[in-house]
Protein backbone atom coordinates (compact mmCIF):
# COMPACT_ATOMS: atom_id res chain seq x y z
CA UNK A 1 1.79 11.17 -8.76
CA UNK A 2 2.40 13.94 -6.26
CA UNK A 3 4.14 14.31 -2.91
CA UNK A 4 2.40 15.81 0.12
CA UNK A 5 3.97 17.98 2.83
CA UNK A 6 5.01 14.92 4.88
CA UNK A 7 6.96 13.47 1.96
CA UNK A 8 4.39 10.77 1.19
CA UNK A 9 3.84 10.06 -2.49
CA UNK A 10 0.20 10.00 -3.59
CA UNK A 11 0.05 7.13 -6.06
CA UNK A 12 -2.93 6.55 -8.31
CA UNK A 13 -4.18 3.06 -9.01
CA UNK A 14 -3.17 3.48 -12.66
CA UNK A 15 0.30 4.55 -11.55
CA UNK A 16 0.64 1.52 -9.29
CA UNK A 17 -0.57 -0.84 -12.02
CA UNK A 18 1.94 0.62 -14.51
CA UNK A 19 4.81 0.24 -12.05
CA UNK A 20 3.81 -3.36 -11.24
CA UNK A 21 3.42 -4.20 -14.93
CA UNK A 22 6.93 -2.84 -15.57
CA UNK A 23 8.27 -5.22 -12.93
CA UNK A 24 9.29 -2.54 -10.47
CA UNK A 25 10.00 -3.98 -7.03
CA UNK A 26 7.12 -2.88 -4.82
CA UNK A 27 6.18 -3.76 -1.26
CA UNK A 28 2.39 -3.68 -0.88
CA UNK A 29 1.39 -3.01 2.72
CA UNK A 30 -2.28 -3.72 3.40
CA UNK A 31 -3.27 -2.07 6.69
CA UNK A 32 -6.91 -3.26 6.72
CA UNK A 33 -8.40 -5.53 9.35
CA UNK A 34 -8.17 -9.33 8.91
CA UNK A 35 -11.84 -9.68 7.93
CA UNK A 36 -11.36 -7.08 5.17
CA UNK A 37 -8.23 -8.83 3.95
CA UNK A 38 -10.07 -12.17 3.87
CA UNK A 39 -12.59 -10.61 1.49
CA UNK A 40 -10.10 -9.29 -1.10
CA UNK A 41 -6.55 -8.06 -1.67
CA UNK A 42 -4.28 -6.71 -4.40
CA UNK A 43 -2.03 -9.49 -5.56
CA UNK A 44 -0.61 -11.66 -8.28
CA UNK A 45 2.43 -9.59 -9.20
CA UNK A 46 5.75 -11.44 -9.27
CA UNK A 47 7.88 -8.45 -8.24
CA UNK A 48 5.59 -7.32 -5.42
CA UNK A 49 6.07 -8.24 -1.79
CA UNK A 50 2.67 -8.70 -0.16
CA UNK A 51 2.46 -7.68 3.47
CA UNK A 52 -0.67 -7.55 5.64
CA UNK A 53 -0.32 -5.74 8.95
CA UNK A 54 -3.44 -4.12 10.42
CA UNK A 55 -3.04 -0.43 11.15
CA UNK A 56 -3.00 -0.84 14.93
CA UNK A 57 -0.12 -3.36 14.73
CA UNK A 58 2.22 -1.19 12.64
CA UNK A 59 4.15 0.36 15.57
CA UNK A 60 5.03 -3.03 17.07
CA UNK A 61 5.94 -4.51 13.67
CA UNK A 62 8.03 -1.63 12.32
CA UNK A 63 11.10 -3.85 11.92
CA UNK A 64 9.09 -6.18 9.68
CA UNK A 65 7.85 -3.26 7.59
CA UNK A 66 11.38 -1.88 7.19
CA UNK A 67 12.68 -5.29 6.08
CA UNK A 68 9.90 -5.74 3.52
CA UNK A 69 10.46 -2.24 2.14
CA UNK A 70 14.25 -2.50 1.82
CA UNK A 71 15.19 -1.42 -1.72
CA UNK A 72 11.55 -1.09 -2.81
CA UNK A 73 8.80 1.45 -2.97
CA UNK A 74 6.45 0.81 -0.05
CA UNK A 75 2.86 1.28 -1.19
CA UNK A 76 0.41 1.42 1.71
CA UNK A 77 -3.26 0.72 1.07
CA UNK A 78 -6.57 0.23 2.84
CA UNK A 79 -10.21 0.35 1.76
CA UNK A 80 -10.44 4.00 0.66
CA UNK A 81 -6.99 5.42 1.42
CA UNK A 82 -7.63 7.20 4.72
CA UNK A 83 -6.06 4.72 7.15
CA UNK A 84 -3.20 4.03 4.77
CA UNK A 85 -2.43 7.74 4.48
CA UNK A 86 -2.16 7.99 8.28
CA UNK A 87 0.14 4.95 8.33
CA UNK A 88 2.24 6.31 5.45
CA UNK A 89 2.71 9.61 7.31
CA UNK A 90 3.70 7.77 10.48
CA UNK A 91 6.16 5.51 8.63
CA UNK A 92 7.75 8.52 6.94
CA UNK A 93 8.11 10.13 10.38
CA UNK A 94 9.91 6.97 11.53
CA UNK A 95 12.46 7.40 8.73
CA UNK A 96 11.04 4.85 6.28
CA UNK A 97 11.89 6.05 2.79
CA UNK A 98 10.08 5.82 -0.54
CA UNK A 99 6.59 5.52 0.99
CA UNK A 100 3.49 5.94 -1.17
CA UNK A 101 -0.19 5.95 -0.33
CA UNK A 102 -2.59 4.34 -2.81
CA UNK A 103 -5.19 7.03 -3.56
CA UNK A 104 -8.68 5.60 -3.20
CA UNK A 105 -7.40 2.31 -1.81
CA UNK A 106 -8.53 -1.10 -2.91
CA UNK A 107 -12.01 0.25 -3.67
CA UNK A 108 -10.70 2.33 -6.59
CA UNK A 109 -8.35 -0.52 -7.57
CA UNK A 110 -11.42 -2.77 -7.88
CA UNK A 111 -13.46 -0.19 -9.79
CA UNK A 112 -10.77 1.01 -12.19
CA UNK A 113 -8.03 -1.62 -12.50
CA UNK A 114 -9.27 -5.09 -11.58
CA UNK A 115 -13.03 -5.74 -11.46
CA UNK A 116 -12.28 -9.32 -10.36
CA UNK A 117 -11.31 -7.92 -6.95
CA UNK A 118 -14.62 -7.79 -5.03
CA UNK A 119 -15.85 -4.45 -3.73
CA UNK A 120 -17.36 -3.92 -0.30
């Protein structure tokens, strides 16, 4: 785990899995499009809040993101980690704290952590 110049934590899939397995309260923010979300998602963790807001809707739903992230680490993810990194930077610039980007996105999650999550 490392922090970039914008204050966004770069979280590996193994790091996220370990934190979820330990029961850490996490808010998972999926910023992919609805058709991507319909195909697969990261889920099934009792202490994780699951939030799906496509990237282009984030600015108008900032209040919802803040509420979901209250008292939790906010882990933003997409397919490969590019869109989520842009969103994580923007959220940090809006004063949202404890924001992490999932390195490699759901694609690496599927390949390394949970092969039951379909890849596309």
